[in-house]
Amino acid sequence: MKKLVLVALMATSAFAFNGKGMVELNDCFDGNRCSNLDFNMSTDDADDNELDEMNFAFNYNYLFTNNFGAGLKYVSQSETRDGDISDSIQDENFNTIGLNFFWNFDGGWESMYAALRYDMTSFEESDQTDTTGSENVTVTTLEFGKRMEMGKVFGMPVLYSPSATYSMATAEFYADGSDDLKSTELRLNVANFAVTF
């Protein structure tokens, strides 16, 4: 068992700082919670109105070739009052799993890039409604941007990565007779950063 732990530690150390890993810090500095890297837990113990909040978000991307990278994103957010999900906070209770695919034109993470992102979000239903099932949202995003190194923190390059995104979302409702809701969004992202290691 000790040998297995030692081999795993050596393999992790060998790949830890080879510059192929990247964690994105999107929307962290524009007044929002980080949409893909965050950990926050809080409790308010008011009588008959106890509020519990938990937000966990993580992403990791890996450069498989000089140009191609891919990664995963996981976000879980929950907010309850007295242990129940109320109608007013239903949108605050969800789980998201996402896949990211990058093509870096100049090679490496510090490059002009195009990306395809696919996110699947499942919302928890309110405890006060009669509907069965939950609301699911899938979002496909096309992104074009450029990453530029700003400096290093603890030896790891910090990249500024402004981009433009075009998102296509489909919301699926499980209530009887409800149609899927489709929407699109074009957005400029100026508060995006990344750390490579």
C-alpha atoms as a PDB file:
ATOM      1  CA  MET A   1       0.000   0.000   0.000  1.00  0.00           C
ATOM      2  CA  LYS A   2       2.847   2.393   0.859  1.00  0.00           C
ATOM      3  CA  LYS A   3       4.435   1.764  -2.549  1.00  0.00           C
ATOM      4  CA  LEU A   4       1.147   2.514  -4.301  1.00  0.00           C
ATOM      5  CA  VAL A   5       0.797   5.819  -2.433  1.00  0.00           C
ATOM      6  CA  LEU A   6       4.436   6.694  -3.262  1.00  0.00           C
ATOM      7  CA  VAL A   7       3.930   5.956  -6.984  1.00  0.00           C
ATOM      8  CA  ALA A   8       0.728   8.067  -7.049  1.00  0.00           C
ATOM      9  CA  LEU A   9       2.529  10.937  -5.293  1.00  0.00           C
ATOM     10  CA  MET A  10       5.459  10.781  -7.730  1.00  0.00           C
ATOM     11  CA  ALA A  11       3.134  10.732 -10.763  1.00  0.00           C
ATOM     12  CA  THR A  12       1.161  13.694  -9.427  1.00  0.00           C
ATOM     13  CA  SER A  13       4.340  15.656  -8.713  1.00  0.00           C
ATOM     14  CA  ALA A  14       5.725  14.964 -12.186  1.00  0.00           C
ATOM     15  CA  PHE A  15       2.674  16.513 -13.858  1.00  0.00           C
ATOM     16  CA  ALA A  16       1.840  19.164 -11.250  1.00  0.00           C
ATOM     17  CA  PHE A  17       3.719  22.134 -12.731  1.00  0.00           C
ATOM     18  CA  ASN A  18       4.344  21.227 -16.360  1.00  0.00           C
ATOM     19  CA  GLY A  19       2.180  24.105 -17.653  1.00  0.00           C
ATOM     20  CA  LYS A  20      -0.474  21.809 -19.127  1.00  0.00           C
ATOM     21  CA  GLY A  21      -3.105  22.318 -16.414  1.00  0.00           C
ATOM     22  CA  MET A  22      -5.361  25.386 -16.299  1.00  0.00           C
ATOM     23  CA  VAL A  23      -8.029  26.600 -13.875  1.00  0.00           C
ATOM     24  CA  GLU A  24     -10.318  29.377 -15.104  1.00  0.00           C
ATOM     25  CA  LEU A  25     -11.523  32.250 -12.911  1.00  0.00           C
ATOM     26  CA  ASN A  26     -14.576  33.524 -14.783  1.00  0.00           C
ATOM     27  CA  ASP A  27     -16.803  36.361 -13.492  1.00  0.00           C
ATOM     28  CA  CYS A  28     -14.850  36.558 -10.213  1.00  0.00           C
ATOM     29  CA  PHE A  29     -14.044  40.254 -10.317  1.00  0.00           C
ATOM     30  CA  ASP A  30     -17.210  41.862 -11.673  1.00  0.00           C
ATOM     31  CA  GLY A  31     -19.339  41.689  -8.518  1.00  0.00           C
ATOM     32  CA  ASN A  32     -20.582  38.109  -8.949  1.00  0.00           C
ATOM     33  CA  ARG A  33     -19.538  34.886  -7.306  1.00  0.00           C
ATOM     34  CA  CYS A  34     -16.993  33.057  -9.437  1.00  0.00           C
ATOM     35  CA  SER A  35     -19.116  31.055 -11.833  1.00  0.00           C
ATOM     36  CA  ASN A  36     -16.624  28.187 -12.032  1.00  0.00           C
ATOM     37  CA  LEU A  37     -14.285  28.353  -9.005  1.00  0.00           C
ATOM     38  CA  ASP A  38     -15.806  29.007  -5.592  1.00  0.00           C
ATOM     39  CA  PHE A  39     -16.446  27.496  -2.170  1.00  0.00           C
ATOM     40  CA  ASN A  40     -18.850  29.216   0.183  1.00  0.00           C
ATOM     41  CA  MET A  41     -20.909  27.942   3.132  1.00  0.00           C
ATOM     42  CA  SER A  42     -23.047  30.067   5.437  1.00  0.00           C
ATOM     43  CA  THR A  43     -25.822  29.576   7.986  1.00  0.00           C
ATOM     44  CA  ASP A  44     -28.241  32.060   9.535  1.00  0.00           C
ATOM     45  CA  ASP A  45     -29.832  30.628  12.681  1.00  0.00           C
ATOM     46  CA  ALA A  46     -32.850  32.952  12.934  1.00  0.00           C
ATOM     47  CA  ASP A  47     -35.839  31.359  14.713  1.00  0.00           C
ATOM     48  CA  ASP A  48     -38.358  29.766  12.310  1.00  0.00           C
ATOM     49  CA  ASN A  49     -36.392  31.144   9.361  1.00  0.00           C
ATOM     50  CA  GLU A  50     -33.083  29.253   9.304  1.00  0.00           C
ATOM     51  CA  LEU A  51     -31.137  29.860   6.097  1.00  0.00           C
ATOM     52  CA  ASP A  52     -28.470  27.434   4.851  1.00  0.00           C
ATOM     53  CA  GLU A  53     -26.373  28.269   1.780  1.00  0.00           C
ATOM     54  CA  MET A  54     -23.657  26.237   0.092  1.00  0.00           C
ATOM     55  CA  ASN A  55     -21.880  26.971  -3.180  1.00  0.00           C
ATOM     56  CA  PHE A  56     -19.166  24.758  -4.659  1.00  0.00           C
ATOM     57  CA  ALA A  57     -17.670  25.335  -8.092  1.00  0.00           C
ATOM     58  CA  PHE A  58     -14.574  23.775  -9.642  1.00  0.00           C
ATOM     59  CA  ASN A  59     -13.037  23.481 -13.098  1.00  0.00           C
ATOM     60  CA  TYR A  60      -9.903  21.893 -14.517  1.00  0.00           C
ATOM     61  CA  ASN A  61      -8.597  21.922 -18.086  1.00  0.00           C
ATOM     62  CA  TYR A  62      -5.660  19.974 -19.505  1.00  0.00           C
ATOM     63  CA  LEU A  63      -3.556  20.613 -22.625  1.00  0.00           C
ATOM     64  CA  PHE A  64      -3.393  17.247 -24.432  1.00  0.00           C
ATOM     65  CA  THR A  65      -1.384  18.457 -27.440  1.00  0.00           C
ATOM     66  CA  ASN A  66       0.314  21.771 -28.156  1.00  0.00           C
ATOM     67  CA  ASN A  67      -2.988  23.116 -29.530  1.00  0.00           C
ATOM     68  CA  PHE A  68      -5.834  20.962 -28.161  1.00  0.00           C
ATOM     69  CA  GLY A  69      -7.090  21.178 -24.585  1.00  0.00           C
ATOM     70  CA  ALA A  70     -10.183  19.873 -22.820  1.00  0.00           C
ATOM     71  CA  GLY A  71     -11.630  20.026 -19.353  1.00  0.00           C
ATOM     72  CA  LEU A  72     -14.487  19.640 -16.910  1.00  0.00           C
ATOM     73  CA  LYS A  73     -16.590  21.989 -14.807  1.00  0.00           C
ATOM     74  CA  TYR A  74     -18.760  21.124 -11.797  1.00  0.00           C
ATOM     75  CA  VAL A  75     -20.997  23.572  -9.921  1.00  0.00           C
ATOM     76  CA  SER A  76     -23.349  22.767  -7.033  1.00  0.00           C
ATOM     77  CA  GLN A  77     -25.359  25.463  -5.302  1.00  0.00           C
ATOM     78  CA  SER A  78     -28.039  25.012  -2.658  1.00  0.00           C
ATOM     79  CA  GLU A  79     -30.067  27.382  -0.519  1.00  0.00           C
ATOM     80  CA  THR A  80     -32.804  26.279   1.878  1.00  0.00           C
ATOM     81  CA  ARG A  81     -35.011  27.904   4.521  1.00  0.00           C
ATOM     82  CA  ASP A  82     -35.899  25.633   7.443  1.00  0.00           C
ATOM     83  CA  GLY A  83     -34.711  22.691   5.350  1.00  0.00           C
ATOM     84  CA  ASP A  84     -37.117  23.400   2.467  1.00  0.00           C
ATOM     85  CA  ILE A  85     -36.589  24.830  -0.995  1.00  0.00           C
ATOM     86  CA  SER A  86     -39.114  27.633  -1.388  1.00  0.00           C
ATOM     87  CA  ASP A  87     -40.431  29.076  -4.645  1.00  0.00           C
ATOM     88  CA  SER A  88     -38.507  32.303  -4.081  1.00  0.00           C
ATOM     89  CA  ILE A  89     -35.129  30.563  -3.962  1.00  0.00           C
ATOM     90  CA  GLN A  90     -35.736  27.680  -6.370  1.00  0.00           C
ATOM     91  CA  ASP A  91     -33.302  29.086  -8.951  1.00  0.00           C
ATOM     92  CA  GLU A  92     -30.540  29.033  -6.314  1.00  0.00           C
ATOM     93  CA  ASN A  93     -30.592  25.211  -6.057  1.00  0.00           C
ATOM     94  CA  PHE A  94     -28.880  23.486  -8.965  1.00  0.00           C
ATOM     95  CA  ASN A  95     -26.091  21.200 -10.139  1.00  0.00           C
ATOM     96  CA  THR A  96     -24.100  21.789 -13.324  1.00  0.00           C
ATOM     97  CA  ILE A  97     -21.703  19.505 -15.160  1.00  0.00           C
ATOM     98  CA  GLY A  98     -19.806  21.000 -18.079  1.00  0.00           C
ATOM     99  CA  LEU A  99     -17.366  19.912 -20.780  1.00  0.00           C
ATOM    100  CA  ASN A 100     -14.854  22.331 -22.338  1.00  0.00           C
ATOM    101  CA  PHE A 101     -12.901  21.895 -25.581  1.00  0.00           C
ATOM    102  CA  PHE A 102     -10.201  24.396 -26.629  1.00  0.00           C
ATOM    103  CA  TRP A 103      -8.166  24.965 -29.772  1.00  0.00           C
ATOM    104  CA  ASN A 104      -5.165  27.222 -29.048  1.00  0.00           C
ATOM    105  CA  PHE A 105      -4.010  28.763 -32.330  1.00  0.00           C
ATOM    106  CA  ASP A 106      -0.470  29.701 -31.211  1.00  0.00           C
ATOM    107  CA  GLY A 107       0.110  26.579 -29.108  1.00  0.00           C
ATOM    108  CA  GLY A 108      -0.011  26.469 -25.323  1.00  0.00           C
ATOM    109  CA  TRP A 109      -2.544  28.176 -23.079  1.00  0.00           C
ATOM    110  CA  GLU A 110      -1.107  31.675 -23.654  1.00  0.00           C
ATOM    111  CA  SER A 111      -2.642  32.028 -27.081  1.00  0.00           C
ATOM    112  CA  MET A 112      -5.579  33.154 -29.163  1.00  0.00           C
ATOM    113  CA  TYR A 113      -8.173  30.387 -28.815  1.00  0.00           C
ATOM    114  CA  ALA A 114     -11.561  29.069 -29.878  1.00  0.00           C
ATOM    115  CA  ALA A 115     -13.642  27.028 -27.460  1.00  0.00           C
ATOM    116  CA  LEU A 116     -16.750  24.884 -27.400  1.00  0.00           C
ATOM    117  CA  ARG A 117     -18.457  24.513 -24.018  1.00  0.00           C
ATOM    118  CA  TYR A 118     -21.410  22.282 -23.159  1.00  0.00           C
ATOM    119  CA  ASP A 119     -23.110  22.693 -19.765  1.00  0.00           C
ATOM    120  CA  MET A 120     -25.956  20.585 -18.354  1.00  0.00           C
ATOM    121  CA  THR A 121     -27.796  22.103 -15.372  1.00  0.00           C
ATOM    122  CA  SER A 122     -30.470  20.436 -13.262  1.00  0.00           C
ATOM    123  CA  PHE A 123     -32.576  22.598 -10.925  1.00  0.00           C
ATOM    124  CA  GLU A 124     -34.147  21.153  -7.782  1.00  0.00           C
ATOM    125  CA  GLU A 125     -37.888  21.608  -7.576  1.00  0.00           C
ATOM    126  CA  SER A 126     -39.562  23.648  -4.864  1.00  0.00           C
ATOM    127  CA  ASP A 127     -41.012  21.795  -1.863  1.00  0.00           C
ATOM    128  CA  GLN A 128     -44.129  23.986  -2.194  1.00  0.00           C
ATOM    129  CA  THR A 129     -45.161  23.016  -5.745  1.00  0.00           C
ATOM    130  CA  ASP A 130     -47.055  20.011  -7.120  1.00  0.00           C
ATOM    131  CA  THR A 131     -44.959  19.614 -10.274  1.00  0.00           C
ATOM    132  CA  THR A 132     -43.062  16.416 -10.798  1.00  0.00           C
ATOM    133  CA  GLY A 133     -39.468  16.322 -11.929  1.00  0.00           C
ATOM    134  CA  SER A 134     -37.142  19.246 -12.262  1.00  0.00           C
ATOM    135  CA  GLU A 135     -36.176  21.872 -14.771  1.00  0.00           C
ATOM    136  CA  ASN A 136     -33.129  21.084 -16.902  1.00  0.00           C
ATOM    137  CA  VAL A 137     -31.121  23.576 -18.907  1.00  0.00           C
ATOM    138  CA  THR A 138     -28.479  22.743 -21.505  1.00  0.00           C
ATOM    139  CA  VAL A 139     -26.194  25.464 -22.820  1.00  0.00           C
ATOM    140  CA  THR A 140     -23.865  25.184 -25.811  1.00  0.00           C
ATOM    141  CA  THR A 141     -21.363  28.045 -25.999  1.00  0.00           C
ATOM    142  CA  LEU A 142     -19.001  29.052 -28.785  1.00  0.00           C
ATOM    143  CA  GLU A 143     -16.150  31.240 -27.535  1.00  0.00           C
ATOM    144  CA  PHE A 144     -13.302  33.158 -29.130  1.00  0.00           C
ATOM    145  CA  GLY A 145     -10.662  34.940 -27.061  1.00  0.00           C
ATOM    146  CA  LYS A 146      -7.019  35.530 -26.249  1.00  0.00           C
ATOM    147  CA  ARG A 147      -5.026  34.681 -23.119  1.00  0.00           C
ATOM    148  CA  MET A 148      -2.158  36.987 -22.121  1.00  0.00           C
ATOM    149  CA  GLU A 149       0.196  36.480 -19.176  1.00  0.00           C
ATOM    150  CA  MET A 150      -0.040  39.208 -16.530  1.00  0.00           C
ATOM    151  CA  GLY A 151       2.609  37.856 -14.189  1.00  0.00           C
ATOM    152  CA  LYS A 152       3.188  34.989 -11.788  1.00  0.00           C
ATOM    153  CA  VAL A 153       1.792  34.104  -8.377  1.00  0.00           C
ATOM    154  CA  PHE A 154       3.718  31.450  -6.424  1.00  0.00           C
ATOM    155  CA  GLY A 155       5.508  30.585  -9.673  1.00  0.00           C
ATOM    156  CA  MET A 156       2.272  29.955 -11.601  1.00  0.00           C
ATOM    157  CA  PRO A 157       1.421  32.172 -14.615  1.00  0.00           C
ATOM    158  CA  VAL A 158      -1.755  34.249 -14.246  1.00  0.00           C
ATOM    159  CA  LEU A 159      -3.451  34.903 -17.584  1.00  0.00           C
ATOM    160  CA  TYR A 160      -5.930  37.609 -18.553  1.00  0.00           C
ATOM    161  CA  SER A 161      -8.385  36.077 -21.027  1.00  0.00           C
ATOM    162  CA  PRO A 162     -11.017  38.420 -22.477  1.00  0.00           C
ATOM    163  CA  SER A 163     -13.387  36.714 -24.891  1.00  0.00           C
ATOM    164  CA  ALA A 164     -16.617  36.912 -26.848  1.00  0.00           C
ATOM    165  CA  THR A 165     -19.199  34.155 -26.422  1.00  0.00           C
ATOM    166  CA  TYR A 166     -22.330  33.101 -28.244  1.00  0.00           C
ATOM    167  CA  SER A 167     -24.546  30.847 -26.116  1.00  0.00           C
ATOM    168  CA  MET A 168     -27.544  28.743 -27.137  1.00  0.00           C
ATOM    169  CA  ALA A 169     -29.671  27.539 -24.200  1.00  0.00           C
ATOM    170  CA  THR A 170     -32.609  25.142 -24.013  1.00  0.00           C
ATOM    171  CA  ALA A 171     -34.725  24.968 -20.846  1.00  0.00           C
ATOM    172  CA  GLU A 172     -36.782  21.808 -20.457  1.00  0.00           C
ATOM    173  CA  PHE A 173     -39.795  21.790 -18.120  1.00  0.00           C
ATOM    174  CA  TYR A 174     -41.403  18.594 -16.882  1.00  0.00           C
ATOM    175  CA  ALA A 175     -44.806  20.112 -16.133  1.00  0.00           C
ATOM    176  CA  ASP A 176     -47.577  18.819 -18.398  1.00  0.00           C
ATOM    177  CA  GLY A 177     -48.047  20.815 -21.575  1.00  0.00           C
ATOM    178  CA  SER A 178     -44.923  22.940 -21.167  1.00  0.00           C
ATOM    179  CA  ASP A 179     -42.811  23.616 -24.231  1.00  0.00           C
ATOM    180  CA  ASP A 180     -39.034  23.869 -24.187  1.00  0.00           C
ATOM    181  CA  LEU A 181     -37.773  27.435 -23.942  1.00  0.00           C
ATOM    182  CA  LYS A 182     -34.865  28.315 -26.257  1.00  0.00           C
ATOM    183  CA  SER A 183     -32.721  31.429 -25.985  1.00  0.00           C
ATOM    184  CA  THR A 184     -29.451  32.837 -27.299  1.00  0.00           C
ATOM    185  CA  GLU A 185     -26.956  35.301 -25.851  1.00  0.00           C
ATOM    186  CA  LEU A 186     -24.015  37.211 -27.308  1.00  0.00           C
ATOM    187  CA  ARG A 187     -21.639  38.447 -24.615  1.00  0.00           C
ATOM    188  CA  LEU A 188     -18.265  40.151 -24.162  1.00  0.00           C
ATOM    189  CA  ASN A 189     -16.352  38.794 -21.159  1.00  0.00           C
ATOM    190  CA  VAL A 190     -13.791  41.250 -19.806  1.00  0.00           C
ATOM    191  CA  ALA A 191     -13.398  39.870 -16.266  1.00  0.00           C
ATOM    192  CA  ASN A 192     -12.016  36.423 -17.109  1.00  0.00           C
ATOM    193  CA  PHE A 193      -8.691  35.158 -15.788  1.00  0.00           C
ATOM    194  CA  ALA A 194      -6.912  31.814 -15.632  1.00  0.00           C
ATOM    195  CA  VAL A 195      -4.023  30.190 -13.777  1.00  0.00           C
ATOM    196  CA  THR A 196      -1.804  27.598 -15.457  1.00  0.00           C
ATOM    197  CA  PHE A 197       0.381  25.078 -13.679  1.00  0.00           C
END
